[in-house]
Protein backbone atom coordinates (compact mmCIF):
# COMPACT_ATOMS: atom_id res chain seq x y z
CA UNK A 1 0.44 -0.06 0.31
CA UNK A 2 2.78 2.54 0.60
CA UNK A 3 4.20 1.60 -2.40
CA UNK A 4 1.51 2.22 -4.34
CA UNK A 5 0.51 6.04 -2.51
CA UNK A 6 4.72 6.74 -3.01
CA UNK A 7 4.01 6.10 -6.78
CA UNK A 8 0.89 7.86 -7.03
CA UNK A 9 2.79 10.95 -5.20
CA UNK A 10 5.54 9.98 -8.02
CA UNK A 11 3.22 10.60 -10.67
CA UNK A 12 1.53 13.72 -9.12
CA UNK A 13 5.23 15.64 -8.84
CA UNK A 14 5.32 15.05 -12.07
CA UNK A 15 2.87 16.17 -13.66
CA UNK A 16 3.53 19.42 -11.89
CA UNK A 17 6.79 19.32 -12.69
CA UNK A 18 8.31 21.63 -14.96
CA UNK A 19 12.08 21.86 -16.37
CA UNK A 20 13.06 25.35 -18.22
CA UNK A 21 15.74 25.21 -20.02
CA UNK A 22 17.28 28.44 -21.61
CA UNK A 23 20.53 29.04 -23.40
CA UNK A 24 23.46 31.01 -21.80
CA UNK A 25 26.66 32.79 -22.08
CA UNK A 26 30.04 32.11 -20.36
CA UNK A 27 30.90 35.80 -19.05
CA UNK A 28 33.30 37.72 -16.74
CA UNK A 29 32.09 39.10 -13.65
CA UNK A 30 35.38 41.57 -13.58
CA UNK A 31 36.22 42.83 -17.11
CA UNK A 32 38.58 45.91 -16.92
CA UNK A 33 39.03 48.42 -19.55
CA UNK A 34 42.67 49.71 -19.46
CA UNK A 35 43.39 53.17 -19.70
CA UNK A 36 46.28 56.00 -19.08
CA UNK A 37 45.86 59.46 -16.69
CA UNK A 38 48.27 61.14 -18.99
CA UNK A 39 48.33 61.73 -22.46
CA UNK A 40 51.54 60.62 -24.13
CA UNK A 41 53.08 58.63 -27.18
CA UNK A 42 53.36 54.67 -26.54
CA UNK A 43 56.54 53.58 -25.88
CA UNK A 44 56.36 49.92 -25.15
CA UNK A 45 53.28 47.68 -25.53
CA UNK A 46 54.24 44.37 -23.80
CA UNK A 47 50.98 42.51 -24.33
CA UNK A 48 48.59 41.18 -27.08
CA UNK A 49 45.54 39.83 -27.64
CA UNK A 50 45.37 36.27 -25.81
CA UNK A 51 48.12 37.33 -23.33
CA UNK A 52 48.26 35.91 -19.91
CA UNK A 53 48.80 38.69 -17.34
CA UNK A 54 49.53 38.46 -13.31
CA UNK A 55 48.65 41.33 -11.41
CA UNK A 56 51.36 44.26 -11.55
CA UNK A 57 52.35 42.91 -14.41
CA UNK A 58 52.99 46.08 -16.65
CA UNK A 59 51.25 46.25 -20.19
CA UNK A 60 52.72 49.34 -21.61
CA UNK A 61 54.38 52.68 -21.32
CA UNK A 62 53.95 55.96 -21.79
CA UNK A 63 56.70 58.48 -23.45
CA UNK A 64 58.44 60.10 -20.11
CA UNK A 65 59.83 63.22 -22.67
CA UNK A 66 57.38 65.62 -21.18
CA UNK A 67 57.53 64.48 -18.06
CA UNK A 68 61.82 64.72 -18.18
CA UNK A 69 61.20 68.41 -19.24
CA UNK A 70 59.44 69.15 -16.10
CA UNK A 71 61.58 67.38 -13.92
CA UNK A 72 64.35 69.07 -15.24
CA UNK A 73 62.96 72.93 -14.63
CA UNK A 74 61.45 71.48 -11.09
CA UNK A 75 65.05 70.15 -10.02
CA UNK A 76 66.33 73.53 -11.36
CA UNK A 77 63.61 76.03 -9.65
CA UNK A 78 64.63 73.69 -6.35
CA UNK A 79 68.46 74.45 -6.89
CA UNK A 80 67.96 78.06 -7.94
CA UNK A 81 65.77 78.56 -4.51
CA UNK A 82 67.87 76.94 -1.88
CA UNK A 83 70.85 78.84 -3.36
CA UNK A 84 69.23 82.05 -3.00
CA UNK A 85 68.27 80.77 0.53
CA UNK A 86 71.61 80.00 1.52
CA UNK A 87 72.87 83.62 0.55
CA UNK A 88 69.89 85.41 2.48
CA UNK A 89 70.25 83.52 5.59
CA UNK A 90 74.10 84.25 6.08
CA UNK A 91 73.48 87.11 5.42
CA UNK A 92 70.32 87.88 7.95
CA UNK A 93 72.14 85.80 10.24
CA UNK A 94 75.07 88.31 9.99
CA UNK A 95 72.81 91.00 10.34
CA UNK A 96 71.23 90.21 12.86
CA UNK A 97 74.47 89.83 15.05
CA UNK A 98 75.44 93.69 13.49
CA UNK A 99 71.64 94.51 15.20
CA UNK A 100 72.59 93.84 18.53
CA UNK A 101 75.63 95.78 18.41
CA UNK A 102 74.19 98.54 17.33
CA UNK A 103 75.66 98.97 13.55
CA UNK A 104 72.61 97.89 11.42
CA UNK A 105 68.80 99.09 11.93
CA UNK A 106 65.90 97.03 12.27
CA UNK A 107 64.20 97.87 9.12
CA UNK A 108 67.45 96.10 7.60
CA UNK A 109 67.24 92.80 9.57
CA UNK A 110 63.33 92.58 9.23
CA UNK A 111 63.65 92.75 5.43
CA UNK A 112 66.48 90.16 5.83
CA UNK A 113 64.24 87.88 7.68
CA UNK A 114 61.43 88.74 5.28
CA UNK A 115 63.74 87.51 2.25
CA UNK A 116 64.25 84.34 4.56
CA UNK A 117 60.97 83.23 4.87
CA UNK A 118 59.91 83.67 1.30
CA UNK A 119 62.48 82.03 0.45
CA UNK A 120 62.11 78.93 2.61
CA UNK A 121 58.67 78.53 1.05
CA UNK A 122 59.41 78.89 -2.14
CA UNK A 123 62.11 75.96 -1.26
CA UNK A 124 58.94 73.99 -0.09
CA UNK A 125 57.13 74.52 -3.08
CA UNK A 126 59.42 73.94 -5.58
CA UNK A 127 59.99 70.54 -3.59
CA UNK A 128 56.57 69.57 -3.79
CA UNK A 129 56.30 70.58 -7.44
CA UNK A 130 59.36 67.92 -8.11
CA UNK A 131 57.38 65.02 -5.73
CA UNK A 132 54.00 65.83 -8.11
CA UNK A 133 56.03 65.23 -11.13
CA UNK A 134 58.17 62.24 -9.86
CA UNK A 135 54.96 60.69 -8.68
CA UNK A 136 53.69 61.58 -12.58
CA UNK A 137 55.78 58.03 -13.98
CA UNK A 138 54.49 55.67 -12.09
CA UNK A 139 51.46 56.79 -13.84
CA UNK A 140 53.44 56.58 -17.59
CA UNK A 141 53.94 52.97 -16.65
CA UNK A 142 50.18 51.01 -17.17
CA UNK A 143 50.41 47.46 -14.65
CA UNK A 144 47.78 45.01 -14.50
CA UNK A 145 45.46 45.47 -11.55
CA UNK A 146 44.70 41.91 -11.19
CA UNK A 147 45.89 39.01 -12.76
CA UNK A 148 43.16 38.15 -16.30
CA UNK A 149 43.93 37.47 -20.18
CA UNK A 150 43.92 40.25 -22.17
CA UNK A 151 40.71 39.66 -24.08
CA UNK A 152 41.00 43.16 -26.75
CA UNK A 153 43.62 45.42 -27.70
CA UNK A 154 42.60 48.94 -29.17
CA UNK A 155 46.50 50.43 -29.40
CA UNK A 156 49.68 50.08 -31.04
CA UNK A 157 53.13 51.55 -30.41
CA UNK A 158 53.70 54.98 -31.99
CA UNK A 159 50.46 56.28 -31.10
CA UNK A 160 48.87 58.53 -28.71
CA UNK A 161 48.10 57.17 -25.61
CA UNK A 162 44.44 59.65 -24.41
CA UNK A 163 43.33 59.64 -20.86
CA UNK A 164 39.59 58.51 -20.65
CA UNK A 165 39.95 56.05 -23.75
CA UNK A 166 40.38 52.69 -23.50
CA UNK A 167 43.44 51.21 -24.27
CA UNK A 168 42.81 47.06 -23.17
CA UNK A 169 40.39 45.18 -22.12
CA UNK A 170 41.10 42.87 -19.62
CA UNK A 171 38.91 39.98 -18.55
CA UNK A 172 39.43 37.97 -14.86
CA UNK A 173 39.22 33.91 -15.68
CA UNK A 174 38.66 33.77 -12.17
CA UNK A 175 35.37 35.27 -12.03
CA UNK A 176 33.19 33.68 -14.24
CA UNK A 177 29.40 33.57 -14.21
CA UNK A 178 26.60 32.48 -16.47
CA UNK A 179 24.32 34.74 -17.89
CA UNK A 180 20.75 33.87 -19.34
CA UNK A 181 17.38 35.68 -20.09
CA UNK A 182 14.69 33.91 -18.69
CA UNK A 183 11.36 35.43 -19.70
CA UNK A 184 8.78 37.46 -17.65
CA UNK A 185 6.28 34.56 -17.80
CA UNK A 186 8.84 32.15 -16.01
CA UNK A 187 10.49 34.96 -13.61
CA UNK A 188 8.16 34.18 -10.93
CA UNK A 189 9.05 30.08 -10.87
CA UNK A 190 12.76 31.18 -9.92
CA UNK A 191 14.64 32.83 -6.90
CA UNK A 192 17.97 33.47 -6.04
CA UNK A 193 19.81 30.90 -4.97
CA UNK A 194 18.10 28.55 -6.81
CA UNK A 195 20.24 25.30 -7.66
CA UNK A 196 20.47 25.26 -11.88
CA UNK A 197 21.90 22.84 -14.30
CA UNK A 198 24.91 23.97 -16.44
CA UNK A 199 25.87 22.23 -19.48
CA UNK A 200 29.01 23.57 -21.04
CA UNK A 201 28.40 21.85 -25.35
CA UNK A 202 32.07 22.35 -26.63
CA UNK A 203 33.40 20.89 -24.01
CA UNK A 204 30.46 18.83 -22.25
CA UNK A 205 31.13 20.18 -18.84
CA UNK A 206 28.48 19.66 -16.90
CA UNK A 207 27.85 21.57 -13.28
CA UNK A 208 25.67 22.25 -10.55
CA UNK A 209 25.14 26.47 -10.21
CA UNK A 210 23.49 28.83 -8.17
CA UNK A 211 21.63 31.98 -9.15
CA UNK A 212 23.40 34.48 -8.00
CA UNK A 213 21.32 37.47 -8.87
CA UNK A 214 18.29 38.09 -11.22
CA UNK A 215 18.36 42.22 -12.56
CA UNK A 216 15.22 43.52 -12.08
CA UNK A 217 15.08 45.42 -15.65
CA UNK A 218 13.12 43.68 -18.36
CA UNK A 219 14.33 43.60 -21.98
CA UNK A 220 11.15 45.58 -23.92
CA UNK A 221 12.25 44.19 -27.12
CA UNK A 222 11.77 40.55 -26.10
CA UNK A 223 10.23 40.87 -22.21
CA UNK A 224 13.13 38.96 -20.76
CA UNK A 225 15.14 39.51 -17.61
CA UNK A 226 18.94 38.80 -17.40
CA UNK A 227 20.37 36.47 -14.59
CA UNK A 228 23.27 35.14 -13.05
CA UNK A 229 24.63 32.13 -11.82
CA UNK A 230 27.81 31.35 -10.43
CA UNK A 231 29.49 27.97 -10.65
CA UNK A 232 32.57 25.86 -10.65
CA UNK A 233 34.53 26.76 -13.50
CA UNK A 234 37.37 24.79 -14.69
CA UNK A 235 40.43 26.35 -16.96
CA UNK A 236 39.08 25.33 -20.29
CA UNK A 237 36.06 27.67 -19.70
CA UNK A 238 36.62 31.61 -21.28
CA UNK A 239 33.93 34.01 -21.70
CA UNK A 240 32.10 33.86 -24.77
CA UNK A 241 31.28 30.00 -24.23
CA UNK A 242 27.86 29.04 -25.48
CA UNK A 243 26.16 26.94 -22.56
CA UNK A 244 22.55 25.64 -21.36
CA UNK A 245 20.78 26.08 -18.55
CA UNK A 246 18.15 24.01 -16.89
CA UNK A 247 16.31 25.06 -14.22
CA UNK A 248 13.75 22.68 -12.45
CA UNK A 249 10.62 24.37 -10.91
CA UNK A 250 7.22 23.05 -9.31
């Protein structure tokens, strides 16, 4: 009797169960557009499309000629103000001793003291400018912010690097997700955290994924909603690969 009841329940369950099959795409959840902060000619390019890079690895270099000129000018200003300061400081100390003996007026001492303070301030400003110029060098050597693969290259050696204009696209292979579109009619049948079956047909790779996010914005042309699914990837899975998602709902 128990077997009959169990069989009936399984039949009823199968009648009310449903599989939602979705076409999907492997994406990277961490894709960065690499650009430069300063304008300049690209002097060296260390990577190409498909290059695997490590965090901190040099990607490309911008010519430093303009920065070199600014650095030389800043160093010259520091040296010039320092020389003037040393001379004024020597006279200021000498006039203070003469003032104590009553040989020079207080006005002369105060005038030298003012020049002494002004030149001291000018040295601080010039050194700050030199430090700023030196800091610009690190922005002329563009390095990878994280490990990944170069999936797009929009620059060449000899071309001008323009701030804000993408030069490279860096894709993080350790942060892959499955992206799929689900119809608004099936949207209410799924929830965040649901387990789903994932198949990557080209690799014959099957695994279990978890619905990580449901984007609450419908595509007005297809009336579908985007979902993102986290899954355990393998070194053979790359962004752009075709995948299938099978969601069992009741």
